[in-house]
Amino acid sequence: MTRIRSRLTLAAGLAAVAALTLSACASGDPLDSGSGSTDTAASGTIVVGSQDYYSNEIIAEIYAQALEGAGFTVDRQFRIGQRDAYIPSLEDGSIQLFPEYTGNLLQFFDADTTARTSDEVYAALKDALPDGLTVLDQSTATDQDSYNVTAAFAAEHNLKSIGDLAGITPLVLGGAPELEERPYGPTGLKEKYGVDVTFSATADTTVDELVAGNIQVANVYSADPRIQTRDLVTLEDPEGLFLASNVVPVVSTSVADEIADVINPVSAKLTPEGLVALNVESTVDQRSPEDIAKDWLAANNLN
């Protein structure tokens, strides 16, 4: 590089740098830690994130395509990881919309919470979130521990909720070995619903054992695709035996009002059975999140 420059050349170079800097600030790059989420909202760009989990990515893609259909520009930051990885980005506004799960997120911010039912958890979560974050409407869809029976067993005994199991004998509960000591295991079933069970540590074979009739009740995650593919029925939990974990959009407060009319209708249409079906499309049909989201939005008149 030449050691001697004229003052005029140097001044011109500095002016160009200043112009570029001002231009970059005006663009409000949402991933620039120096830019605030207000600039991002003003530019019409929303940064949507997702966990490194296929079901969560599908929901995030639904949010993203719904926003794009409403005229927003979307920056997708998907498959980030778990909460320790992405919560800081939500807190600093570099990610502005994220599909979350009410109960698990509440416990992240308030490990001692006593909230259990869906409404209790949702209300407590609003209070527990740090400044700058809020939640839009929660959906009825959940991804949490649940008790399931076969459709045939449900029909035989007219089962809809966990409490309907009371008085049925014999009744064997299957699940991971640690379930036997969990507060929502056999002791919780007795205390909350008056249901007596014996326990079988079925672990990875739980669903197979249920379908085979070796157990009558199975601890299965409520969004597990096998609920559809193996014809299971998830029993309702009105007393809050399990910590409710409904799908909920977590958003930066700076964009909440701007995107609520787009995202809340998505939450209203996302049902427990619908989420299971989306997961079946991913795991069984091997469809991409983009195609799954596009078809779901069209089927629900949200595109």
C-alpha atoms as a PDB file:
ATOM      1  CA  MET A   1       0.000   0.000   0.000  1.00  0.00           C
ATOM      2  CA  THR A   2       1.357   3.472  -0.886  1.00  0.00           C
ATOM      3  CA  ARG A   3       2.647   5.204   2.209  1.00  0.00           C
ATOM      4  CA  ILE A   4       1.745   8.739   1.067  1.00  0.00           C
ATOM      5  CA  ARG A   5      -1.820   9.791   0.209  1.00  0.00           C
ATOM      6  CA  SER A   6      -3.227  13.169  -0.575  1.00  0.00           C
ATOM      7  CA  ARG A   7      -5.562  14.759   1.973  1.00  0.00           C
ATOM      8  CA  LEU A   8      -8.260  14.867  -0.675  1.00  0.00           C
ATOM      9  CA  THR A   9      -8.123  11.104  -1.326  1.00  0.00           C
ATOM     10  CA  LEU A  10      -8.208  10.333   2.391  1.00  0.00           C
ATOM     11  CA  ALA A  11     -11.187  12.604   2.922  1.00  0.00           C
ATOM     12  CA  ALA A  12     -13.070  10.964   0.060  1.00  0.00           C
ATOM     13  CA  GLY A  13     -12.383   7.513   1.495  1.00  0.00           C
ATOM     14  CA  LEU A  14     -13.619   8.523   4.933  1.00  0.00           C
ATOM     15  CA  ALA A  15     -16.746   9.999   3.412  1.00  0.00           C
ATOM     16  CA  ALA A  16     -17.457   6.734   1.579  1.00  0.00           C
ATOM     17  CA  VAL A  17     -17.006   4.735   4.780  1.00  0.00           C
ATOM     18  CA  ALA A  18     -19.356   7.076   6.623  1.00  0.00           C
ATOM     19  CA  ALA A  19     -21.958   6.731   3.888  1.00  0.00           C
ATOM     20  CA  LEU A  20     -21.767   2.942   4.021  1.00  0.00           C
ATOM     21  CA  THR A  21     -22.057   2.995   7.815  1.00  0.00           C
ATOM     22  CA  LEU A  22     -25.148   5.186   7.708  1.00  0.00           C
ATOM     23  CA  SER A  23     -26.654   2.940   5.045  1.00  0.00           C
ATOM     24  CA  ALA A  24     -26.057  -0.179   7.155  1.00  0.00           C
ATOM     25  CA  CYS A  25     -27.670   1.464  10.209  1.00  0.00           C
ATOM     26  CA  ALA A  26     -30.702   2.425   8.153  1.00  0.00           C
ATOM     27  CA  SER A  27     -31.159  -1.140   6.926  1.00  0.00           C
ATOM     28  CA  GLY A  28     -31.530  -2.413  10.519  1.00  0.00           C
ATOM     29  CA  ASP A  29     -29.827  -5.814  10.042  1.00  0.00           C
ATOM     30  CA  PRO A  30     -31.779  -8.020  12.522  1.00  0.00           C
ATOM     31  CA  LEU A  31     -28.785 -10.228  13.175  1.00  0.00           C
ATOM     32  CA  ASP A  32     -26.479  -7.302  13.996  1.00  0.00           C
ATOM     33  CA  SER A  33     -26.164  -7.227  17.772  1.00  0.00           C
ATOM     34  CA  GLY A  34     -25.894  -3.468  17.545  1.00  0.00           C
ATOM     35  CA  SER A  35     -29.259  -3.043  15.852  1.00  0.00           C
ATOM     36  CA  GLY A  36     -32.450  -2.921  17.881  1.00  0.00           C
ATOM     37  CA  SER A  37     -35.601  -4.879  17.154  1.00  0.00           C
ATOM     38  CA  THR A  38     -37.469  -1.586  16.564  1.00  0.00           C
ATOM     39  CA  ASP A  39     -35.415  -0.996  13.413  1.00  0.00           C
ATOM     40  CA  THR A  40     -36.162  -4.539  12.285  1.00  0.00           C
ATOM     41  CA  ALA A  41     -39.887  -4.111  12.813  1.00  0.00           C
ATOM     42  CA  ALA A  42     -39.859  -0.824  10.894  1.00  0.00           C
ATOM     43  CA  SER A  43     -38.216  -2.538   7.930  1.00  0.00           C
ATOM     44  CA  GLY A  44     -40.935  -5.212   7.837  1.00  0.00           C
ATOM     45  CA  THR A  45     -38.483  -8.062   8.524  1.00  0.00           C
ATOM     46  CA  ILE A  46     -39.265 -10.580  11.266  1.00  0.00           C
ATOM     47  CA  VAL A  47     -36.614 -13.035  12.458  1.00  0.00           C
ATOM     48  CA  VAL A  48     -38.181 -16.422  13.229  1.00  0.00           C
ATOM     49  CA  GLY A  49     -36.252 -19.115  15.095  1.00  0.00           C
ATOM     50  CA  SER A  50     -36.787 -22.781  15.890  1.00  0.00           C
ATOM     51  CA  GLN A  51     -35.366 -25.519  18.072  1.00  0.00           C
ATOM     52  CA  ASP A  52     -33.296 -28.301  16.578  1.00  0.00           C
ATOM     53  CA  TYR A  53     -36.400 -30.511  16.603  1.00  0.00           C
ATOM     54  CA  TYR A  54     -38.471 -31.418  13.568  1.00  0.00           C
ATOM     55  CA  SER A  55     -41.859 -30.666  15.146  1.00  0.00           C
ATOM     56  CA  ASN A  56     -40.758 -27.243  16.348  1.00  0.00           C
ATOM     57  CA  GLU A  57     -39.274 -26.422  12.950  1.00  0.00           C
ATOM     58  CA  ILE A  58     -42.587 -27.237  11.249  1.00  0.00           C
ATOM     59  CA  ILE A  59     -44.429 -24.803  13.525  1.00  0.00           C
ATOM     60  CA  ALA A  60     -41.782 -22.138  12.946  1.00  0.00           C
ATOM     61  CA  GLU A  61     -42.137 -22.614   9.173  1.00  0.00           C
ATOM     62  CA  ILE A  62     -45.909 -22.202   9.498  1.00  0.00           C
ATOM     63  CA  TYR A  63     -45.329 -18.907  11.325  1.00  0.00           C
ATOM     64  CA  ALA A  64     -42.823 -17.812   8.694  1.00  0.00           C
ATOM     65  CA  GLN A  65     -45.035 -18.579   5.706  1.00  0.00           C
ATOM     66  CA  ALA A  66     -48.059 -16.970   7.369  1.00  0.00           C
ATOM     67  CA  LEU A  67     -46.041 -13.794   7.880  1.00  0.00           C
ATOM     68  CA  GLU A  68     -44.773 -13.838   4.316  1.00  0.00           C
ATOM     69  CA  GLY A  69     -48.339 -14.240   3.098  1.00  0.00           C
ATOM     70  CA  ALA A  70     -49.196 -11.083   5.060  1.00  0.00           C
ATOM     71  CA  GLY A  71     -46.420  -9.125   3.368  1.00  0.00           C
ATOM     72  CA  PHE A  72     -43.589  -9.438   5.882  1.00  0.00           C
ATOM     73  CA  THR A  73     -40.031 -10.336   4.999  1.00  0.00           C
ATOM     74  CA  VAL A  74     -38.895 -13.278   7.133  1.00  0.00           C
ATOM     75  CA  ASP A  75     -35.374 -14.211   8.155  1.00  0.00           C
ATOM     76  CA  ARG A  76     -35.369 -17.875   9.205  1.00  0.00           C
ATOM     77  CA  GLN A  77     -32.927 -18.893  11.941  1.00  0.00           C
ATOM     78  CA  PHE A  78     -33.961 -22.542  12.348  1.00  0.00           C
ATOM     79  CA  ARG A  79     -32.565 -25.572  14.159  1.00  0.00           C
ATOM     80  CA  ILE A  80     -30.638 -23.465  16.653  1.00  0.00           C
ATOM     81  CA  GLY A  81     -30.606 -25.931  19.512  1.00  0.00           C
ATOM     82  CA  GLN A  82     -32.226 -25.889  22.925  1.00  0.00           C
ATOM     83  CA  ARG A  83     -33.170 -23.053  25.279  1.00  0.00           C
ATOM     84  CA  ASP A  84     -29.699 -22.250  26.578  1.00  0.00           C
ATOM     85  CA  ALA A  85     -28.697 -21.567  22.974  1.00  0.00           C
ATOM     86  CA  TYR A  86     -31.601 -19.425  21.779  1.00  0.00           C
ATOM     87  CA  ILE A  87     -33.086 -17.663  24.821  1.00  0.00           C
ATOM     88  CA  PRO A  88     -30.267 -15.046  24.822  1.00  0.00           C
ATOM     89  CA  SER A  89     -31.105 -14.234  21.185  1.00  0.00           C
ATOM     90  CA  LEU A  90     -34.761 -13.796  22.111  1.00  0.00           C
ATOM     91  CA  GLU A  91     -33.839 -11.577  25.024  1.00  0.00           C
ATOM     92  CA  ASP A  92     -31.614  -9.287  22.964  1.00  0.00           C
ATOM     93  CA  GLY A  93     -34.131  -9.066  20.117  1.00  0.00           C
ATOM     94  CA  SER A  94     -32.011 -10.678  17.422  1.00  0.00           C
ATOM     95  CA  ILE A  95     -34.718 -13.353  17.176  1.00  0.00           C
ATOM     96  CA  GLN A  96     -38.239 -11.992  17.469  1.00  0.00           C
ATOM     97  CA  LEU A  97     -40.603 -14.938  17.089  1.00  0.00           C
ATOM     98  CA  PHE A  98     -40.195 -18.494  18.329  1.00  0.00           C
ATOM     99  CA  PRO A  99     -42.575 -21.429  18.829  1.00  0.00           C
ATOM    100  CA  GLU A 100     -42.348 -22.535  22.448  1.00  0.00           C
ATOM    101  CA  TYR A 101     -44.103 -24.745  24.993  1.00  0.00           C
ATOM    102  CA  THR A 102     -45.715 -23.010  27.942  1.00  0.00           C
ATOM    103  CA  GLY A 103     -44.899 -25.335  30.832  1.00  0.00           C
ATOM    104  CA  ASN A 104     -41.316 -26.060  29.893  1.00  0.00           C
ATOM    105  CA  LEU A 105     -40.608 -22.397  29.175  1.00  0.00           C
ATOM    106  CA  LEU A 106     -42.203 -21.363  32.474  1.00  0.00           C
ATOM    107  CA  GLN A 107     -39.964 -23.773  34.354  1.00  0.00           C
ATOM    108  CA  PHE A 108     -36.936 -22.312  32.537  1.00  0.00           C
ATOM    109  CA  PHE A 109     -37.689 -18.896  34.048  1.00  0.00           C
ATOM    110  CA  ASP A 110     -39.393 -20.050  37.269  1.00  0.00           C
ATOM    111  CA  ALA A 111     -38.183 -23.455  38.415  1.00  0.00           C
ATOM    112  CA  ASP A 112     -40.371 -23.323  41.535  1.00  0.00           C
ATOM    113  CA  THR A 113     -43.677 -22.654  39.797  1.00  0.00           C
ATOM    114  CA  THR A 114     -46.726 -24.461  41.153  1.00  0.00           C
ATOM    115  CA  ALA A 115     -48.854 -23.777  38.060  1.00  0.00           C
ATOM    116  CA  ARG A 116     -50.050 -26.928  36.322  1.00  0.00           C
ATOM    117  CA  THR A 117     -53.183 -26.467  34.230  1.00  0.00           C
ATOM    118  CA  SER A 118     -53.094 -24.827  30.819  1.00  0.00           C
ATOM    119  CA  ASP A 119     -54.630 -21.518  31.912  1.00  0.00           C
ATOM    120  CA  GLU A 120     -52.567 -21.332  35.100  1.00  0.00           C
ATOM    121  CA  VAL A 121     -49.326 -21.959  33.242  1.00  0.00           C
ATOM    122  CA  TYR A 122     -50.132 -19.443  30.501  1.00  0.00           C
ATOM    123  CA  ALA A 123     -50.908 -16.710  33.035  1.00  0.00           C
ATOM    124  CA  ALA A 124     -47.788 -17.476  35.083  1.00  0.00           C
ATOM    125  CA  LEU A 125     -45.609 -17.497  31.962  1.00  0.00           C
ATOM    126  CA  LYS A 126     -46.686 -13.984  31.028  1.00  0.00           C
ATOM    127  CA  ASP A 127     -45.503 -12.779  34.445  1.00  0.00           C
ATOM    128  CA  ALA A 128     -42.275 -14.799  34.381  1.00  0.00           C
ATOM    129  CA  LEU A 129     -40.955 -13.640  31.014  1.00  0.00           C
ATOM    130  CA  PRO A 130     -38.202 -11.015  31.096  1.00  0.00           C
ATOM    131  CA  ASP A 131     -38.764  -7.456  29.888  1.00  0.00           C
ATOM    132  CA  GLY A 132     -38.897  -7.263  26.129  1.00  0.00           C
ATOM    133  CA  LEU A 133     -40.628 -10.632  25.659  1.00  0.00           C
ATOM    134  CA  THR A 134     -44.261 -11.641  25.680  1.00  0.00           C
ATOM    135  CA  VAL A 135     -46.468 -14.431  24.358  1.00  0.00           C
ATOM    136  CA  LEU A 136     -49.298 -14.338  21.856  1.00  0.00           C
ATOM    137  CA  ASP A 137     -52.294 -16.683  22.077  1.00  0.00           C
ATOM    138  CA  GLN A 138     -51.480 -20.270  23.031  1.00  0.00           C
ATOM    139  CA  SER A 139     -52.840 -23.131  20.955  1.00  0.00           C
ATOM    140  CA  THR A 140     -54.629 -26.199  22.250  1.00  0.00           C
ATOM    141  CA  ALA A 141     -51.821 -28.309  20.759  1.00  0.00           C
ATOM    142  CA  THR A 142     -49.365 -29.642  23.328  1.00  0.00           C
ATOM    143  CA  ASP A 143     -46.059 -31.465  23.421  1.00  0.00           C
ATOM    144  CA  GLN A 144     -45.828 -32.900  26.928  1.00  0.00           C
ATOM    145  CA  ASP A 145     -46.207 -36.040  29.011  1.00  0.00           C
ATOM    146  CA  SER A 146     -49.645 -37.591  28.628  1.00  0.00           C
ATOM    147  CA  TYR A 147     -51.480 -40.811  29.355  1.00  0.00           C
ATOM    148  CA  ASN A 148     -52.735 -42.805  26.390  1.00  0.00           C
ATOM    149  CA  VAL A 149     -54.852 -45.891  25.814  1.00  0.00           C
ATOM    150  CA  THR A 150     -55.721 -47.764  22.653  1.00  0.00           C
ATOM    151  CA  ALA A 151     -58.798 -46.578  20.766  1.00  0.00           C
ATOM    152  CA  ALA A 152     -60.408 -49.974  21.367  1.00  0.00           C
ATOM    153  CA  PHE A 153     -59.829 -49.756  25.144  1.00  0.00           C
ATOM    154  CA  ALA A 154     -61.200 -46.198  25.188  1.00  0.00           C
ATOM    155  CA  ALA A 155     -64.323 -47.271  23.337  1.00  0.00           C
ATOM    156  CA  GLU A 156     -64.841 -50.325  25.559  1.00  0.00           C
ATOM    157  CA  HIS A 157     -64.732 -48.264  28.763  1.00  0.00           C
ATOM    158  CA  ASN A 158     -66.026 -44.936  27.405  1.00  0.00           C
ATOM    159  CA  LEU A 159     -62.797 -43.162  28.325  1.00  0.00           C
ATOM    160  CA  LYS A 160     -62.201 -39.469  27.715  1.00  0.00           C
ATOM    161  CA  SER A 161     -60.214 -38.248  30.716  1.00  0.00           C
ATOM    162  CA  ILE A 162     -57.737 -39.779  33.143  1.00  0.00           C
ATOM    163  CA  GLY A 163     -60.385 -39.859  35.862  1.00  0.00           C
ATOM    164  CA  ASP A 164     -62.485 -42.235  33.798  1.00  0.00           C
ATOM    165  CA  LEU A 165     -59.892 -44.929  34.511  1.00  0.00           C
ATOM    166  CA  ALA A 166     -60.966 -45.117  38.168  1.00  0.00           C
ATOM    167  CA  GLY A 167     -62.383 -48.513  39.058  1.00  0.00           C
ATOM    168  CA  ILE A 168     -61.049 -50.367  36.010  1.00  0.00           C
ATOM    169  CA  THR A 169     -59.083 -53.503  36.958  1.00  0.00           C
ATOM    170  CA  PRO A 170     -56.562 -54.738  36.230  1.00  0.00           C
ATOM    171  CA  LEU A 171     -54.817 -51.571  35.112  1.00  0.00           C
ATOM    172  CA  VAL A 172     -51.111 -51.586  34.280  1.00  0.00           C
ATOM    173  CA  LEU A 173     -49.263 -48.343  33.564  1.00  0.00           C
ATOM    174  CA  GLY A 174     -46.191 -48.489  31.346  1.00  0.00           C
ATOM    175  CA  GLY A 175     -43.408 -45.999  30.818  1.00  0.00           C
ATOM    176  CA  ALA A 176     -39.786 -45.181  31.492  1.00  0.00           C
ATOM    177  CA  PRO A 177     -38.436 -46.679  34.747  1.00  0.00           C
ATOM    178  CA  GLU A 178     -38.277 -43.276  36.456  1.00  0.00           C
ATOM    179  CA  LEU A 179     -42.012 -42.761  35.921  1.00  0.00           C
ATOM    180  CA  GLU A 180     -42.701 -44.999  38.917  1.00  0.00           C
ATOM    181  CA  GLU A 181     -41.277 -42.314  41.226  1.00  0.00           C
ATOM    182  CA  ARG A 182     -42.454 -39.213  39.373  1.00  0.00           C
ATOM    183  CA  PRO A 183     -45.223 -37.100  40.968  1.00  0.00           C
ATOM    184  CA  TYR A 184     -47.440 -37.804  37.952  1.00  0.00           C
ATOM    185  CA  GLY A 185     -46.798 -41.565  38.141  1.00  0.00           C
ATOM    186  CA  PRO A 186     -48.796 -44.136  40.127  1.00  0.00           C
ATOM    187  CA  THR A 187     -48.884 -41.987  43.287  1.00  0.00           C
ATOM    188  CA  GLY A 188     -50.140 -38.941  41.422  1.00  0.00           C
ATOM    189  CA  LEU A 189     -52.771 -40.968  39.600  1.00  0.00           C
ATOM    190  CA  LYS A 190     -54.128 -42.156  42.933  1.00  0.00           C
ATOM    191  CA  GLU A 191     -54.022 -38.745  44.619  1.00  0.00           C
ATOM    192  CA  LYS A 192     -55.403 -36.664  41.744  1.00  0.00           C
ATOM    193  CA  TYR A 193     -57.877 -39.062  40.169  1.00  0.00           C
ATOM    194  CA  GLY A 194     -58.362 -42.037  42.491  1.00  0.00           C
ATOM    195  CA  VAL A 195     -56.899 -44.363  39.868  1.00  0.00           C
ATOM    196  CA  ASP A 196     -55.079 -47.487  41.070  1.00  0.00           C
ATOM    197  CA  VAL A 197     -52.418 -48.975  38.808  1.00  0.00           C
ATOM    198  CA  THR A 198     -49.529 -51.353  38.913  1.00  0.00           C
ATOM    199  CA  PHE A 199     -46.399 -50.202  37.098  1.00  0.00           C
ATOM    200  CA  SER A 200     -44.331 -51.803  34.340  1.00  0.00           C
ATOM    201  CA  ALA A 201     -41.018 -50.294  33.243  1.00  0.00           C
ATOM    202  CA  THR A 202     -41.528 -50.621  29.489  1.00  0.00           C
ATOM    203  CA  ALA A 203     -39.217 -47.775  28.370  1.00  0.00           C
ATOM    204  CA  ASP A 204     -38.702 -47.812  24.573  1.00  0.00           C
ATOM    205  CA  THR A 205     -41.240 -50.617  24.090  1.00  0.00           C
ATOM    206  CA  THR A 206     -44.091 -48.730  25.800  1.00  0.00           C
ATOM    207  CA  VAL A 207     -46.263 -48.185  22.732  1.00  0.00           C
ATOM    208  CA  ASP A 208     -45.698 -51.742  21.481  1.00  0.00           C
ATOM    209  CA  GLU A 209     -46.664 -53.129  24.888  1.00  0.00           C
ATOM    210  CA  LEU A 210     -49.793 -50.981  24.923  1.00  0.00           C
ATOM    211  CA  VAL A 211     -50.926 -52.109  21.487  1.00  0.00           C
ATOM    212  CA  ALA A 212     -50.199 -55.734  22.432  1.00  0.00           C
ATOM    213  CA  GLY A 213     -52.429 -55.393  25.500  1.00  0.00           C
ATOM    214  CA  ASN A 214     -49.670 -56.101  28.012  1.00  0.00           C
ATOM    215  CA  ILE A 215     -50.277 -52.714  29.593  1.00  0.00           C
ATOM    216  CA  GLN A 216     -53.484 -50.672  29.535  1.00  0.00           C
ATOM    217  CA  VAL A 217     -52.125 -47.123  29.993  1.00  0.00           C
ATOM    218  CA  ALA A 218     -48.986 -45.644  28.468  1.00  0.00           C
ATOM    219  CA  ASN A 219     -46.964 -42.525  29.196  1.00  0.00           C
ATOM    220  CA  VAL A 220     -46.417 -41.023  25.713  1.00  0.00           C
ATOM    221  CA  TYR A 221     -45.592 -37.493  24.615  1.00  0.00           C
ATOM    222  CA  SER A 222     -48.778 -35.843  23.395  1.00  0.00           C
ATOM    223  CA  ALA A 223     -47.364 -34.923  19.949  1.00  0.00           C
ATOM    224  CA  ASP A 224     -45.877 -38.368  19.274  1.00  0.00           C
ATOM    225  CA  PRO A 225     -46.732 -39.458  15.688  1.00  0.00           C
ATOM    226  CA  ARG A 226     -47.543 -42.963  16.952  1.00  0.00           C
ATOM    227  CA  ILE A 227     -50.706 -41.599  18.562  1.00  0.00           C
ATOM    228  CA  GLN A 228     -52.071 -41.430  15.024  1.00  0.00           C
ATOM    229  CA  THR A 229     -50.232 -44.301  13.390  1.00  0.00           C
ATOM    230  CA  ARG A 230     -50.963 -46.797  16.212  1.00  0.00           C
ATOM    231  CA  ASP A 231     -54.544 -45.574  16.838  1.00  0.00           C
ATOM    232  CA  LEU A 232     -54.112 -44.295  20.408  1.00  0.00           C
ATOM    233  CA  VAL A 233     -56.302 -41.962  22.448  1.00  0.00           C
ATOM    234  CA  THR A 234     -54.774 -39.284  24.668  1.00  0.00           C
ATOM    235  CA  LEU A 235     -56.749 -38.905  27.888  1.00  0.00           C
ATOM    236  CA  GLU A 236     -57.670 -35.414  29.034  1.00  0.00           C
ATOM    237  CA  ASP A 237     -56.066 -34.117  32.233  1.00  0.00           C
ATOM    238  CA  PRO A 238     -58.448 -31.524  33.724  1.00  0.00           C
ATOM    239  CA  GLU A 239     -56.860 -31.665  37.188  1.00  0.00           C
ATOM    240  CA  GLY A 240     -53.357 -30.839  35.981  1.00  0.00           C
ATOM    241  CA  LEU A 241     -51.570 -34.054  36.869  1.00  0.00           C
ATOM    242  CA  PHE A 242     -49.037 -33.152  34.190  1.00  0.00           C
ATOM    243  CA  LEU A 243     -47.463 -29.741  33.736  1.00  0.00           C
ATOM    244  CA  ALA A 244     -49.361 -28.287  30.759  1.00  0.00           C
ATOM    245  CA  SER A 245     -47.098 -27.403  27.856  1.00  0.00           C
ATOM    246  CA  ASN A 246     -49.143 -25.820  25.093  1.00  0.00           C
ATOM    247  CA  VAL A 247     -47.576 -24.554  21.893  1.00  0.00           C
ATOM    248  CA  VAL A 248     -47.216 -20.778  22.207  1.00  0.00           C
ATOM    249  CA  PRO A 249     -45.500 -18.061  20.139  1.00  0.00           C
ATOM    250  CA  VAL A 250     -42.904 -16.130  22.126  1.00  0.00           C
ATOM    251  CA  VAL A 251     -42.322 -12.696  20.608  1.00  0.00           C
ATOM    252  CA  SER A 252     -40.417  -9.475  21.115  1.00  0.00           C
ATOM    253  CA  THR A 253     -42.784  -6.906  22.586  1.00  0.00           C
ATOM    254  CA  SER A 254     -41.678  -4.444  19.902  1.00  0.00           C
ATOM    255  CA  VAL A 255     -43.334  -6.530  17.168  1.00  0.00           C
ATOM    256  CA  ALA A 256     -46.097  -8.268  19.137  1.00  0.00           C
ATOM    257  CA  ASP A 257     -48.898  -5.933  18.104  1.00  0.00           C
ATOM    258  CA  GLU A 258     -47.682  -5.866  14.504  1.00  0.00           C
ATOM    259  CA  ILE A 259     -47.783  -9.641  13.986  1.00  0.00           C
ATOM    260  CA  ALA A 260     -50.530 -10.735  16.392  1.00  0.00           C
ATOM    261  CA  ASP A 261     -53.264 -10.634  13.747  1.00  0.00           C
ATOM    262  CA  VAL A 262     -51.212 -13.040  11.612  1.00  0.00           C
ATOM    263  CA  ILE A 263     -49.945 -15.465  14.269  1.00  0.00           C
ATOM    264  CA  ASN A 264     -52.955 -15.719  16.605  1.00  0.00           C
ATOM    265  CA  PRO A 265     -55.156 -17.306  13.894  1.00  0.00           C
ATOM    266  CA  VAL A 266     -52.433 -19.938  13.417  1.00  0.00           C
ATOM    267  CA  SER A 267     -52.568 -20.785  17.119  1.00  0.00           C
ATOM    268  CA  ALA A 268     -56.362 -20.957  16.990  1.00  0.00           C
ATOM    269  CA  LYS A 269     -56.201 -23.611  14.255  1.00  0.00           C
ATOM    270  CA  LEU A 270     -53.347 -25.720  15.692  1.00  0.00           C
ATOM    271  CA  THR A 271     -54.987 -28.584  17.586  1.00  0.00           C
ATOM    272  CA  PRO A 272     -53.477 -31.560  19.448  1.00  0.00           C
ATOM    273  CA  GLU A 273     -54.580 -33.954  16.713  1.00  0.00           C
ATOM    274  CA  GLY A 274     -53.375 -31.519  14.073  1.00  0.00           C
ATOM    275  CA  LEU A 275     -49.887 -31.328  15.547  1.00  0.00           C
ATOM    276  CA  VAL A 276     -49.652 -35.109  15.676  1.00  0.00           C
ATOM    277  CA  ALA A 277     -50.710 -35.242  12.013  1.00  0.00           C
ATOM    278  CA  LEU A 278     -48.025 -32.698  11.073  1.00  0.00           C
ATOM    279  CA  ASN A 279     -45.434 -34.846  12.815  1.00  0.00           C
ATOM    280  CA  VAL A 280     -46.647 -37.917  10.939  1.00  0.00           C
ATOM    281  CA  GLU A 281     -46.138 -36.063   7.670  1.00  0.00           C
ATOM    282  CA  SER A 282     -42.550 -35.384   8.716  1.00  0.00           C
ATOM    283  CA  THR A 283     -41.528 -38.722  10.219  1.00  0.00           C
ATOM    284  CA  VAL A 284     -43.596 -41.181   8.197  1.00  0.00           C
ATOM    285  CA  ASP A 285     -44.220 -39.394   4.904  1.00  0.00           C
ATOM    286  CA  GLN A 286     -40.791 -37.739   4.953  1.00  0.00           C
ATOM    287  CA  ARG A 287     -42.127 -34.410   3.706  1.00  0.00           C
ATOM    288  CA  SER A 288     -40.190 -31.169   4.104  1.00  0.00           C
ATOM    289  CA  PRO A 289     -41.245 -28.539   6.672  1.00  0.00           C
ATOM    290  CA  GLU A 290     -41.798 -26.092   3.805  1.00  0.00           C
ATOM    291  CA  ASP A 291     -44.283 -28.351   2.023  1.00  0.00           C
ATOM    292  CA  ILE A 292     -46.008 -29.390   5.244  1.00  0.00           C
ATOM    293  CA  ALA A 293     -46.457 -25.759   6.291  1.00  0.00           C
ATOM    294  CA  LYS A 294     -47.700 -24.649   2.873  1.00  0.00           C
ATOM    295  CA  ASP A 295     -50.368 -27.347   2.732  1.00  0.00           C
ATOM    296  CA  TRP A 296     -51.438 -26.820   6.351  1.00  0.00           C
ATOM    297  CA  LEU A 297     -51.919 -23.084   5.835  1.00  0.00           C
ATOM    298  CA  ALA A 298     -53.939 -23.727   2.680  1.00  0.00           C
ATOM    299  CA  ALA A 299     -56.094 -26.377   4.369  1.00  0.00           C
ATOM    300  CA  ASN A 300     -56.864 -23.934   7.195  1.00  0.00           C
ATOM    301  CA  ASN A 301     -57.500 -20.942   4.897  1.00  0.00           C
ATOM    302  CA  LEU A 302     -54.560 -19.049   6.362  1.00  0.00           C
ATOM    303  CA  ASN A 303     -52.454 -18.523   3.261  1.00  0.00           C
END
